[in-house]
C-alpha atoms as a PDB file:
ATOM      1  CA  MET A   1     -23.271  -7.657  16.712  1.00  0.00           C
ATOM      2  CA  SER A   2     -26.341  -6.619  14.769  1.00  0.00           C
ATOM      3  CA  GLU A   3     -25.834  -2.844  14.640  1.00  0.00           C
ATOM      4  CA  GLY A   4     -23.291  -2.936  11.815  1.00  0.00           C
ATOM      5  CA  LEU A   5     -20.621  -0.348  11.098  1.00  0.00           C
ATOM      6  CA  THR A   6     -22.092   2.314  13.373  1.00  0.00           C
ATOM      7  CA  ALA A   7     -21.830   0.111  16.471  1.00  0.00           C
ATOM      8  CA  LEU A   8     -18.097  -0.438  15.920  1.00  0.00           C
ATOM      9  CA  ARG A   9     -17.361   3.267  16.480  1.00  0.00           C
ATOM     10  CA  GLU A  10     -17.964   2.888  20.203  1.00  0.00           C
ATOM     11  CA  LEU A  11     -15.458   0.049  20.633  1.00  0.00           C
ATOM     12  CA  ARG A  12     -11.835   0.261  21.723  1.00  0.00           C
ATOM     13  CA  SER A  13     -11.025  -3.169  20.284  1.00  0.00           C
ATOM     14  CA  ALA A  14     -12.576  -5.147  17.474  1.00  0.00           C
ATOM     15  CA  PRO A  15     -15.309  -7.571  18.518  1.00  0.00           C
ATOM     16  CA  MET A  16     -15.210 -11.313  17.975  1.00  0.00           C
ATOM     17  CA  LEU A  17     -17.435 -11.984  14.980  1.00  0.00           C
ATOM     18  CA  GLN A  18     -19.117 -15.045  13.578  1.00  0.00           C
ATOM     19  CA  ALA A  19     -19.089 -15.693   9.806  1.00  0.00           C
ATOM     20  CA  PRO A  20     -22.556 -14.175   9.187  1.00  0.00           C
ATOM     21  CA  GLU A  21     -21.600 -11.004  11.096  1.00  0.00           C
ATOM     22  CA  ARG A  22     -18.361 -10.709   9.122  1.00  0.00           C
ATOM     23  CA  ALA A  23     -20.224 -11.096   5.851  1.00  0.00           C
ATOM     24  CA  ALA A  24     -22.801  -8.486   6.861  1.00  0.00           C
ATOM     25  CA  LEU A  25     -20.105  -5.959   7.822  1.00  0.00           C
ATOM     26  CA  LEU A  26     -18.232  -6.494   4.562  1.00  0.00           C
ATOM     27  CA  THR A  27     -21.460  -6.060   2.594  1.00  0.00           C
ATOM     28  CA  GLU A  28     -22.198  -2.816   4.450  1.00  0.00           C
ATOM     29  CA  LEU A  29     -18.604  -1.591   4.060  1.00  0.00           C
ATOM     30  CA  GLN A  30     -18.252  -2.184   0.300  1.00  0.00           C
ATOM     31  CA  PRO A  31     -20.349   0.771  -0.926  1.00  0.00           C
ATOM     32  CA  CYS A  32     -18.614   3.045   1.587  1.00  0.00           C
ATOM     33  CA  LEU A  33     -15.223   2.055   0.218  1.00  0.00           C
ATOM     34  CA  ALA A  34     -16.420   2.343  -3.385  1.00  0.00           C
ATOM     35  CA  ALA A  35     -17.407   5.987  -2.801  1.00  0.00           C
ATOM     36  CA  CYS A  36     -13.851   6.960  -1.815  1.00  0.00           C
ATOM     37  CA  ASP A  37     -10.782   7.697  -3.913  1.00  0.00           C
ATOM     38  CA  TRP A  38      -8.044   6.625  -1.503  1.00  0.00           C
ATOM     39  CA  PHE A  39      -7.528   5.392   2.053  1.00  0.00           C
ATOM     40  CA  THR A  40      -5.513   5.611   5.217  1.00  0.00           C
ATOM     41  CA  VAL A  41      -5.371   2.585   7.465  1.00  0.00           C
ATOM     42  CA  GLY A  42      -4.584   2.146  11.143  1.00  0.00           C
ATOM     43  CA  VAL A  43      -3.775  -1.244  12.594  1.00  0.00           C
ATOM     44  CA  MET A  44      -3.534  -1.764  16.345  1.00  0.00           C
ATOM     45  CA  ALA A  45      -1.897  -5.158  16.829  1.00  0.00           C
ATOM     46  CA  PRO A  46       0.063  -7.189  19.390  1.00  0.00           C
ATOM     47  CA  THR A  47       3.116  -7.409  17.076  1.00  0.00           C
ATOM     48  CA  ALA A  48       4.552  -5.717  13.999  1.00  0.00           C
ATOM     49  CA  ALA A  49       4.280  -8.988  12.072  1.00  0.00           C
ATOM     50  CA  ARG A  50       0.572  -9.264  12.873  1.00  0.00           C
ATOM     51  CA  ALA A  51      -0.027  -5.636  11.871  1.00  0.00           C
ATOM     52  CA  LEU A  52       1.757  -6.140   8.549  1.00  0.00           C
ATOM     53  CA  ALA A  53      -0.182  -9.359   7.886  1.00  0.00           C
ATOM     54  CA  CYS A  54      -3.438  -7.451   8.434  1.00  0.00           C
ATOM     55  CA  LEU A  55      -2.363  -4.726   6.000  1.00  0.00           C
ATOM     56  CA  ARG A  56      -1.334  -7.267   3.349  1.00  0.00           C
ATOM     57  CA  GLN A  57      -4.660  -9.127   3.673  1.00  0.00           C
ATOM     58  CA  LEU A  58      -6.547  -5.838   3.207  1.00  0.00           C
ATOM     59  CA  GLU A  59      -4.455  -4.897   0.167  1.00  0.00           C
ATOM     60  CA  THR A  60      -5.028  -8.298  -1.430  1.00  0.00           C
ATOM     61  CA  ALA A  61      -8.755  -8.400  -0.710  1.00  0.00           C
ATOM     62  CA  LEU A  62      -9.352  -4.908  -2.116  1.00  0.00           C
ATOM     63  CA  GLY A  63      -6.908  -5.155  -5.012  1.00  0.00           C
ATOM     64  CA  TRP A  64      -4.636  -2.380  -3.754  1.00  0.00           C
ATOM     65  CA  SER A  65      -0.985  -2.110  -4.741  1.00  0.00           C
ATOM     66  CA  PRO A  66       1.225  -3.162  -1.820  1.00  0.00           C
ATOM     67  CA  LEU A  67       2.388  -0.229   0.276  1.00  0.00           C
ATOM     68  CA  GLU A  68       6.079   0.126   1.119  1.00  0.00           C
ATOM     69  CA  LEU A  69       7.661   0.529   4.522  1.00  0.00           C
ATOM     70  CA  ASP A  70       8.665   4.158   4.982  1.00  0.00           C
ATOM     71  CA  PRO A  71      12.467   4.401   5.104  1.00  0.00           C
ATOM     72  CA  ALA A  72      12.176   6.496   8.277  1.00  0.00           C
ATOM     73  CA  CYS A  73      10.690   3.488  10.112  1.00  0.00           C
ATOM     74  CA  GLU A  74      12.931   1.127  12.029  1.00  0.00           C
ATOM     75  CA  ALA A  75      13.155  -2.474  10.854  1.00  0.00           C
ATOM     76  CA  LEU A  76       9.960  -4.348  11.686  1.00  0.00           C
ATOM     77  CA  GLU A  77      11.942  -7.224  13.213  1.00  0.00           C
ATOM     78  CA  ALA A  78      13.368  -4.788  15.769  1.00  0.00           C
ATOM     79  CA  ILE A  79       9.964  -3.679  17.026  1.00  0.00           C
ATOM     80  CA  GLU A  80       8.776  -5.743  19.972  1.00  0.00           C
ATOM     81  CA  GLY A  81       5.385  -5.727  21.643  1.00  0.00           C
ATOM     82  CA  PRO A  82       2.177  -3.907  20.707  1.00  0.00           C
ATOM     83  CA  VAL A  83       2.270  -1.591  17.698  1.00  0.00           C
ATOM     84  CA  PHE A  84       0.308   0.908  15.680  1.00  0.00           C
ATOM     85  CA  LEU A  85       0.699   0.696  11.899  1.00  0.00           C
ATOM     86  CA  LYS A  86      -0.293   3.788   9.923  1.00  0.00           C
ATOM     87  CA  ALA A  87      -0.666   3.290   6.166  1.00  0.00           C
ATOM     88  CA  ASN A  88      -1.365   5.953   3.567  1.00  0.00           C
ATOM     89  CA  GLN A  89      -2.483   4.818   0.139  1.00  0.00           C
ATOM     90  CA  ASN A  90      -1.895   8.325  -1.254  1.00  0.00           C
ATOM     91  CA  THR A  91       1.820   8.261  -0.372  1.00  0.00           C
ATOM     92  CA  GLY A  92       2.179   4.520  -0.951  1.00  0.00           C
ATOM     93  CA  ARG A  93       3.907   4.034   2.404  1.00  0.00           C
ATOM     94  CA  PHE A  94       3.329   2.804   5.924  1.00  0.00           C
ATOM     95  CA  LEU A  95       4.995   3.293   9.303  1.00  0.00           C
ATOM     96  CA  VAL A  96       4.963   1.070  12.369  1.00  0.00           C
ATOM     97  CA  ARG A  97       5.641   2.332  15.872  1.00  0.00           C
ATOM     98  CA  ARG A  98       5.602   0.777  19.305  1.00  0.00           C
ATOM     99  CA  GLU A  99       2.390   1.699  21.050  1.00  0.00           C
ATOM    100  CA  THR A 100       1.018   0.296  24.286  1.00  0.00           C
ATOM    101  CA  GLY A 101      -2.404   0.885  25.751  1.00  0.00           C
ATOM    102  CA  LEU A 102      -4.308   0.660  22.478  1.00  0.00           C
ATOM    103  CA  GLY A 103      -7.038  -1.772  21.689  1.00  0.00           C
ATOM    104  CA  GLU A 104      -6.718  -4.266  18.864  1.00  0.00           C
ATOM    105  CA  GLY A 105      -8.200  -3.915  15.416  1.00  0.00           C
ATOM    106  CA  LEU A 106      -8.188  -2.419  11.940  1.00  0.00           C
ATOM    107  CA  LEU A 107      -9.392   1.114  11.164  1.00  0.00           C
ATOM    108  CA  ILE A 108     -10.015   2.265   7.595  1.00  0.00           C
ATOM    109  CA  THR A 109     -10.481   5.930   6.704  1.00  0.00           C
ATOM    110  CA  GLY A 110     -11.827   6.759   3.273  1.00  0.00           C
ATOM    111  CA  HIS A 111     -10.931   9.994   1.511  1.00  0.00           C
ATOM    112  CA  SER A 112     -12.565  11.580  -1.515  1.00  0.00           C
ATOM    113  CA  ASN A 113     -11.263  14.432  -3.617  1.00  0.00           C
ATOM    114  CA  VAL A 114     -14.737  15.248  -4.956  1.00  0.00           C
ATOM    115  CA  ASN A 115     -17.234  13.944  -2.399  1.00  0.00           C
ATOM    116  CA  PRO A 116     -16.424  14.949   1.197  1.00  0.00           C
ATOM    117  CA  ASP A 117     -19.680  13.341   2.359  1.00  0.00           C
ATOM    118  CA  ALA A 118     -18.203   9.932   1.474  1.00  0.00           C
ATOM    119  CA  GLU A 119     -15.268  10.411   3.838  1.00  0.00           C
ATOM    120  CA  ASP A 120     -15.426   8.492   7.094  1.00  0.00           C
ATOM    121  CA  THR A 121     -13.554   6.132   9.399  1.00  0.00           C
ATOM    122  CA  TRP A 122     -14.784   2.569   9.859  1.00  0.00           C
ATOM    123  CA  GLY A 123     -13.847   0.014  12.482  1.00  0.00           C
ATOM    124  CA  PRO A 124     -12.298  -1.327  14.532  1.00  0.00           C
ATOM    125  CA  PHE A 125     -12.529  -4.543  12.557  1.00  0.00           C
ATOM    126  CA  PRO A 126     -10.941  -7.850  13.545  1.00  0.00           C
ATOM    127  CA  LEU A 127      -7.371  -8.113  12.292  1.00  0.00           C
ATOM    128  CA  ASP A 128      -8.319 -11.084  10.133  1.00  0.00           C
ATOM    129  CA  LEU A 129     -11.496  -9.624   8.595  1.00  0.00           C
ATOM    130  CA  PHE A 130      -9.922  -9.583   5.123  1.00  0.00           C
ATOM    131  CA  ALA A 131      -8.105 -12.929   5.410  1.00  0.00           C
ATOM    132  CA  ALA A 132      -8.629 -15.139   2.368  1.00  0.00           C
END
């Protein structure tokens, strides 16, 4: 995958990436993230546990405070099958809902209070892109 972030936009699911491709995407993504003030995240995953693991890896890698499960969301252990996790750094919360028919991957949307040109959505990235 040599087209970088732009090529991901056309995909329904995250591509399989080799180490050099992962490194190149992360290098390209860093200045985009740095230009934003806060983020929303979407995770399309086969299970709630896998979606939460992806979110926690992202938080750790980028030094974000851990987001909390929204009290309106059912217990993660009760959710079976494919899910969509929606996280909002501005509210400090995330929700998980059952969702079939999606692809698989991580989407990051950057928001800026002062620079709307910096705002964008990137991905889908592999669920383990930010794994340590």
